[in-house]
PDB file of N, CA and C in Angstrom:
ATOM      1  N   MET A   1       0.925  -1.320   0.030  1.00  0.00           N
ATOM      2  CA  MET A   1      -0.046   0.035   0.111  1.00  0.00           C
ATOM      3  C   MET A   1       0.876   1.186  -0.005  1.00  0.00           C
ATOM      4  N   THR A   2       0.500   2.293  -0.826  1.00  0.00           N
ATOM      5  CA  THR A   2       1.242   3.371  -0.903  1.00  0.00           C
ATOM      6  C   THR A   2       1.006   4.427   0.306  1.00  0.00           C
ATOM      7  N   ALA A   3       2.132   5.098   0.761  1.00  0.00           N
ATOM      8  CA  ALA A   3       1.757   5.997   1.967  1.00  0.00           C
ATOM      9  C   ALA A   3       0.975   7.076   1.622  1.00  0.00           C
ATOM     10  N   SER A   4       0.567   7.802   2.235  1.00  0.00           N
ATOM     11  CA  SER A   4      -0.394   9.094   2.086  1.00  0.00           C
ATOM     12  C   SER A   4       0.697  10.172   1.581  1.00  0.00           C
ATOM     13  N   ILE A   5       0.192  11.276   0.763  1.00  0.00           N
ATOM     14  CA  ILE A   5       1.167  12.190   0.451  1.00  0.00           C
ATOM     15  C   ILE A   5       1.792  12.830   1.595  1.00  0.00           C
ATOM     16  N   THR A   6       0.917  12.987   2.691  1.00  0.00           N
ATOM     17  CA  THR A   6       1.612  13.871   3.754  1.00  0.00           C
ATOM     18  C   THR A   6       2.669  12.885   4.385  1.00  0.00           C
ATOM     19  N   GLU A   7       2.502  11.586   4.690  1.00  0.00           N
ATOM     20  CA  GLU A   7       3.603  10.684   5.001  1.00  0.00           C
ATOM     21  C   GLU A   7       4.827  10.631   4.244  1.00  0.00           C
ATOM     22  N   GLN A   8       4.607  10.847   2.887  1.00  0.00           N
ATOM     23  CA  GLN A   8       5.611  10.791   2.045  1.00  0.00           C
ATOM     24  C   GLN A   8       6.234  12.047   2.160  1.00  0.00           C
ATOM     25  N   ILE A   9       5.891  13.254   2.441  1.00  0.00           N
ATOM     26  CA  ILE A   9       6.546  14.392   2.643  1.00  0.00           C
ATOM     27  C   ILE A   9       7.304  14.269   4.020  1.00  0.00           C
ATOM     28  N   LEU A  10       6.760  13.912   4.980  1.00  0.00           N
ATOM     29  CA  LEU A  10       7.214  13.918   6.201  1.00  0.00           C
ATOM     30  C   LEU A  10       8.390  12.901   6.302  1.00  0.00           C
ATOM     31  N   THR A  11       8.401  11.737   5.468  1.00  0.00           N
ATOM     32  CA  THR A  11       9.432  10.824   5.502  1.00  0.00           C
ATOM     33  C   THR A  11      10.694  11.458   4.749  1.00  0.00           C
ATOM     34  N   ALA A  12      10.285  12.309   3.761  1.00  0.00           N
ATOM     35  CA  ALA A  12      11.451  12.925   2.852  1.00  0.00           C
ATOM     36  C   ALA A  12      11.927  14.122   3.771  1.00  0.00           C
ATOM     37  N   LEU A  13      11.214  14.719   4.702  1.00  0.00           N
ATOM     38  CA  LEU A  13      11.756  15.791   5.639  1.00  0.00           C
ATOM     39  C   LEU A  13      12.797  15.068   6.540  1.00  0.00           C
ATOM     40  N   GLN A  14      12.269  14.009   7.157  1.00  0.00           N
ATOM     41  CA  GLN A  14      12.985  13.385   8.157  1.00  0.00           C
ATOM     42  C   GLN A  14      14.418  12.836   7.519  1.00  0.00           C
ATOM     43  N   THR A  15      14.452  12.540   6.213  1.00  0.00           N
ATOM     44  CA  THR A  15      15.533  12.009   5.604  1.00  0.00           C
ATOM     45  C   THR A  15      16.513  13.142   5.288  1.00  0.00           C
ATOM     46  N   ALA A  16      15.993  14.259   4.847  1.00  0.00           N
ATOM     47  CA  ALA A  16      16.642  15.413   4.529  1.00  0.00           C
ATOM     48  C   ALA A  16      17.306  15.958   5.864  1.00  0.00           C
ATOM     49  N   ILE A  17      16.620  16.021   6.942  1.00  0.00           N
ATOM     50  CA  ILE A  17      17.059  16.609   8.147  1.00  0.00           C
ATOM     51  C   ILE A  17      18.292  15.661   8.626  1.00  0.00           C
ATOM     52  N   THR A  18      17.986  14.261   8.660  1.00  0.00           N
ATOM     53  CA  THR A  18      18.872  13.373   9.135  1.00  0.00           C
ATOM     54  C   THR A  18      20.236  13.376   8.295  1.00  0.00           C
ATOM     55  N   ASN A  19      20.126  13.615   7.115  1.00  0.00           N
ATOM     56  CA  ASN A  19      21.330  13.703   6.253  1.00  0.00           C
ATOM     57  C   ASN A  19      22.128  14.995   6.334  1.00  0.00           C
ATOM     58  N   GLN A  20      21.454  16.098   6.836  1.00  0.00           N
ATOM     59  CA  GLN A  20      21.869  17.405   6.655  1.00  0.00           C
ATOM     60  C   GLN A  20      22.336  18.134   8.151  1.00  0.00           C
ATOM     61  N   THR A  21      21.869  17.461   9.190  1.00  0.00           N
ATOM     62  CA  THR A  21      21.893  18.168  10.597  1.00  0.00           C
ATOM     63  C   THR A  21      22.846  17.174  11.429  1.00  0.00           C
ATOM     64  N   ALA A  22      23.979  17.482  11.362  1.00  0.00           N
ATOM     65  CA  ALA A  22      25.127  16.456  12.142  1.00  0.00           C
ATOM     66  C   ALA A  22      24.766  16.871  13.646  1.00  0.00           C
ATOM     67  N   ILE A  23      24.341  18.017  13.980  1.00  0.00           N
ATOM     68  CA  ILE A  23      24.276  18.166  15.489  1.00  0.00           C
ATOM     69  C   ILE A  23      23.365  17.198  16.202  1.00  0.00           C
ATOM     70  N   VAL A  24      22.288  16.580  15.490  1.00  0.00           N
ATOM     71  CA  VAL A  24      21.371  15.874  16.197  1.00  0.00           C
ATOM     72  C   VAL A  24      21.722  14.399  16.196  1.00  0.00           C
ATOM     73  N   GLY A  25      22.926  14.041  15.329  1.00  0.00           N
ATOM     74  CA  GLY A  25      23.420  12.751  15.294  1.00  0.00           C
ATOM     75  C   GLY A  25      22.584  11.656  14.763  1.00  0.00           C
ATOM     76  N   GLY A  26      21.626  11.931  13.893  1.00  0.00           N
ATOM     77  CA  GLY A  26      20.623  10.867  13.454  1.00  0.00           C
ATOM     78  C   GLY A  26      19.456  10.726  14.322  1.00  0.00           C
ATOM     79  N   ARG A  27      19.151  11.548  15.406  1.00  0.00           N
ATOM     80  CA  ARG A  27      18.110  11.412  16.249  1.00  0.00           C
ATOM     81  C   ARG A  27      16.973  12.353  15.851  1.00  0.00           C
ATOM     82  N   VAL A  28      16.545  11.920  14.633  1.00  0.00           N
ATOM     83  CA  VAL A  28      15.287  12.630  14.018  1.00  0.00           C
ATOM     84  C   VAL A  28      14.270  11.547  14.038  1.00  0.00           C
ATOM     85  N   TYR A  29      13.165  11.873  14.673  1.00  0.00           N
ATOM     86  CA  TYR A  29      12.069  10.724  14.854  1.00  0.00           C
ATOM     87  C   TYR A  29      10.833  11.177  14.143  1.00  0.00           C
ATOM     88  N   ARG A  30       9.910  10.238  13.726  1.00  0.00           N
ATOM     89  CA  ARG A  30       8.724  10.577  13.081  1.00  0.00           C
ATOM     90  C   ARG A  30       7.441  10.118  14.008  1.00  0.00           C
ATOM     91  N   ASP A  31       7.867   9.188  14.875  1.00  0.00           N
ATOM     92  CA  ASP A  31       6.862   8.760  15.872  1.00  0.00           C
ATOM     93  C   ASP A  31       7.568   8.360  17.295  1.00  0.00           C
ATOM     94  N   ARG A  32       6.911   8.944  18.106  1.00  0.00           N
ATOM     95  CA  ARG A  32       7.589   8.701  19.436  1.00  0.00           C
ATOM     96  C   ARG A  32       6.666   8.804  20.546  1.00  0.00           C
ATOM     97  N   ALA A  33       6.195   7.898  21.290  1.00  0.00           N
ATOM     98  CA  ALA A  33       5.362   8.167  22.422  1.00  0.00           C
ATOM     99  C   ALA A  33       6.050   8.635  23.889  1.00  0.00           C
ATOM    100  N   GLU A  34       7.040   8.277  24.059  1.00  0.00           N
ATOM    101  CA  GLU A  34       7.773   8.642  25.150  1.00  0.00           C
ATOM    102  C   GLU A  34       8.529   9.936  25.274  1.00  0.00           C
ATOM    103  N   ALA A  35       8.786  10.492  26.331  1.00  0.00           N
ATOM    104  CA  ALA A  35       9.638  11.779  26.383  1.00  0.00           C
ATOM    105  C   ALA A  35      11.036  11.461  25.997  1.00  0.00           C
ATOM    106  N   PHE A  36      11.738  12.453  25.615  1.00  0.00           N
ATOM    107  CA  PHE A  36      13.309  12.367  25.393  1.00  0.00           C
ATOM    108  C   PHE A  36      13.771  12.322  26.867  1.00  0.00           C
ATOM    109  N   ILE A  37      14.657  11.589  26.963  1.00  0.00           N
ATOM    110  CA  ILE A  37      15.746  11.532  28.157  1.00  0.00           C
ATOM    111  C   ILE A  37      17.044  12.396  27.789  1.00  0.00           C
ATOM    112  N   ARG A  38      17.683  13.013  28.667  1.00  0.00           N
ATOM    113  CA  ARG A  38      19.011  13.817  28.503  1.00  0.00           C
ATOM    114  C   ARG A  38      19.754  13.258  27.583  1.00  0.00           C
ATOM    115  N   ASP A  39      20.255  11.952  27.782  1.00  0.00           N
ATOM    116  CA  ASP A  39      21.111  11.253  26.905  1.00  0.00           C
ATOM    117  C   ASP A  39      20.855  11.139  25.427  1.00  0.00           C
ATOM    118  N   GLU A  40      19.380  11.343  25.062  1.00  0.00           N
ATOM    119  CA  GLU A  40      19.017  11.403  23.557  1.00  0.00           C
ATOM    120  C   GLU A  40      18.888  12.535  22.915  1.00  0.00           C
ATOM    121  N   CYS A  41      19.396  13.703  23.743  1.00  0.00           N
ATOM    122  CA  CYS A  41      19.392  15.115  23.205  1.00  0.00           C
ATOM    123  C   CYS A  41      20.625  15.490  22.729  1.00  0.00           C
ATOM    124  N   PRO A  42      20.731  16.483  21.642  1.00  0.00           N
ATOM    125  CA  PRO A  42      19.621  16.996  21.028  1.00  0.00           C
ATOM    126  C   PRO A  42      18.942  15.938  19.974  1.00  0.00           C
ATOM    127  N   ALA A  43      17.554  16.349  19.804  1.00  0.00           N
ATOM    128  CA  ALA A  43      16.750  15.368  18.871  1.00  0.00           C
ATOM    129  C   ALA A  43      15.740  16.252  18.258  1.00  0.00           C
ATOM    130  N   ILE A  44      15.225  15.701  17.236  1.00  0.00           N
ATOM    131  CA  ILE A  44      14.023  16.290  16.563  1.00  0.00           C
ATOM    132  C   ILE A  44      12.943  15.465  16.369  1.00  0.00           C
ATOM    133  N   LEU A  45      11.618  15.914  16.652  1.00  0.00           N
ATOM    134  CA  LEU A  45      10.591  14.957  16.450  1.00  0.00           C
ATOM    135  C   LEU A  45       9.665  15.745  15.378  1.00  0.00           C
ATOM    136  N   ILE A  46       9.330  14.942  14.323  1.00  0.00           N
ATOM    137  CA  ILE A  46       8.459  15.600  13.352  1.00  0.00           C
ATOM    138  C   ILE A  46       7.134  14.898  13.196  1.00  0.00           C
ATOM    139  N   GLU A  47       6.173  15.637  13.440  1.00  0.00           N
ATOM    140  CA  GLU A  47       4.700  15.204  13.606  1.00  0.00           C
ATOM    141  C   GLU A  47       3.797  15.956  12.610  1.00  0.00           C
ATOM    142  N   PRO A  48       2.884  15.074  11.916  1.00  0.00           N
ATOM    143  CA  PRO A  48       1.951  15.903  11.022  1.00  0.00           C
ATOM    144  C   PRO A  48       0.980  16.824  11.856  1.00  0.00           C
ATOM    145  N   ASP A  49       0.539  17.938  11.327  1.00  0.00           N
ATOM    146  CA  ASP A  49      -0.365  18.919  12.010  1.00  0.00           C
ATOM    147  C   ASP A  49      -1.817  18.255  12.063  1.00  0.00           C
ATOM    148  N   THR A  50      -2.267  17.707  10.890  1.00  0.00           N
ATOM    149  CA  THR A  50      -3.416  16.959  10.647  1.00  0.00           C
ATOM    150  C   THR A  50      -3.325  16.018   9.441  1.00  0.00           C
ATOM    151  N   GLU A  51      -4.105  14.961   9.315  1.00  0.00           N
ATOM    152  CA  GLU A  51      -4.112  14.067   8.327  1.00  0.00           C
ATOM    153  C   GLU A  51      -5.379  14.207   7.662  1.00  0.00           C
ATOM    154  N   THR A  52      -6.345  14.980   7.905  1.00  0.00           N
ATOM    155  CA  THR A  52      -7.602  15.230   7.250  1.00  0.00           C
ATOM    156  C   THR A  52      -7.552  16.242   6.261  1.00  0.00           C
ATOM    157  N   PRO A  53      -7.896  15.886   5.050  1.00  0.00           N
ATOM    158  CA  PRO A  53      -7.845  16.898   3.949  1.00  0.00           C
ATOM    159  C   PRO A  53      -8.750  17.876   4.147  1.00  0.00           C
ATOM    160  N   THR A  54      -8.458  19.136   4.158  1.00  0.00           N
ATOM    161  CA  THR A  54      -9.539  20.226   4.308  1.00  0.00           C
ATOM    162  C   THR A  54      -9.351  21.195   3.127  1.00  0.00           C
ATOM    163  N   GLY A  55      -8.462  21.107   2.117  1.00  0.00           N
ATOM    164  CA  GLY A  55      -8.290  22.009   1.127  1.00  0.00           C
ATOM    165  C   GLY A  55      -7.397  23.047   1.580  1.00  0.00           C
ATOM    166  N   GLU A  56      -7.032  23.240   2.754  1.00  0.00           N
ATOM    167  CA  GLU A  56      -6.169  24.108   3.090  1.00  0.00           C
ATOM    168  C   GLU A  56      -4.745  23.487   3.518  1.00  0.00           C
ATOM    169  N   THR A  57      -3.741  24.375   3.369  1.00  0.00           N
ATOM    170  CA  THR A  57      -2.390  23.902   3.488  1.00  0.00           C
ATOM    171  C   THR A  57      -2.227  23.583   5.029  1.00  0.00           C
ATOM    172  N   THR A  58      -1.774  22.431   5.256  1.00  0.00           N
ATOM    173  CA  THR A  58      -1.243  21.945   6.609  1.00  0.00           C
ATOM    174  C   THR A  58       0.213  22.076   6.897  1.00  0.00           C
ATOM    175  N   ALA A  59       0.580  22.084   8.087  1.00  0.00           N
ATOM    176  CA  ALA A  59       1.978  22.237   8.291  1.00  0.00           C
ATOM    177  C   ALA A  59       2.407  20.916   9.123  1.00  0.00           C
ATOM    178  N   ALA A  60       3.667  20.705   9.123  1.00  0.00           N
ATOM    179  CA  ALA A  60       4.268  19.647  10.125  1.00  0.00           C
ATOM    180  C   ALA A  60       4.657  20.502  11.314  1.00  0.00           C
ATOM    181  N   ARG A  61       4.583  19.822  12.428  1.00  0.00           N
ATOM    182  CA  ARG A  61       5.120  20.324  13.699  1.00  0.00           C
ATOM    183  C   ARG A  61       6.369  19.654  14.105  1.00  0.00           C
ATOM    184  N   ILE A  62       7.620  20.534  14.142  1.00  0.00           N
ATOM    185  CA  ILE A  62       8.850  19.946  14.297  1.00  0.00           C
ATOM    186  C   ILE A  62       9.147  20.605  15.872  1.00  0.00           C
ATOM    187  N   THR A  63       9.587  19.496  16.622  1.00  0.00           N
ATOM    188  CA  THR A  63       9.786  19.714  18.137  1.00  0.00           C
ATOM    189  C   THR A  63      11.245  19.529  18.251  1.00  0.00           C
ATOM    190  N   ASP A  64      11.806  20.539  18.672  1.00  0.00           N
ATOM    191  CA  ASP A  64      13.463  20.512  18.996  1.00  0.00           C
ATOM    192  C   ASP A  64      13.640  20.142  20.412  1.00  0.00           C
ATOM    193  N   CYS A  65      14.246  19.110  20.781  1.00  0.00           N
ATOM    194  CA  CYS A  65      14.627  18.584  21.997  1.00  0.00           C
ATOM    195  C   CYS A  65      16.144  18.947  22.358  1.00  0.00           C
ATOM    196  N   SER A  66      16.203  20.320  22.859  1.00  0.00           N
ATOM    197  CA  SER A  66      17.513  20.685  23.422  1.00  0.00           C
ATOM    198  C   SER A  66      17.785  20.240  24.725  1.00  0.00           C
ATOM    199  N   CYS A  67      16.983  19.780  25.515  1.00  0.00           N
ATOM    200  CA  CYS A  67      17.179  19.406  26.875  1.00  0.00           C
ATOM    201  C   CYS A  67      18.113  20.492  27.763  1.00  0.00           C
ATOM    202  N   ALA A  68      17.682  21.891  27.460  1.00  0.00           N
ATOM    203  CA  ALA A  68      18.492  22.634  28.080  1.00  0.00           C
ATOM    204  C   ALA A  68      18.268  22.607  29.726  1.00  0.00           C
ATOM    205  N   SER A  69      19.241  22.873  30.431  1.00  0.00           N
ATOM    206  CA  SER A  69      19.242  22.817  31.935  1.00  0.00           C
ATOM    207  C   SER A  69      18.413  23.909  32.506  1.00  0.00           C
TER     208      SER A  69
END
């Protein structure tokens, strides 16, 4: 089964960020239920804003886990 357009875009975004952002060391996630722990930081979590087609532009939410003290 083919992934949705949204999923294809988010997967491409994850690949691009992983390949171009050395500071996160490959810690770019598309799906994560548990909170980041200090040893996993810095990291980036990419989530879709919505999967429901509305005719409007939707955005991805990118969460930066810098684990600042």
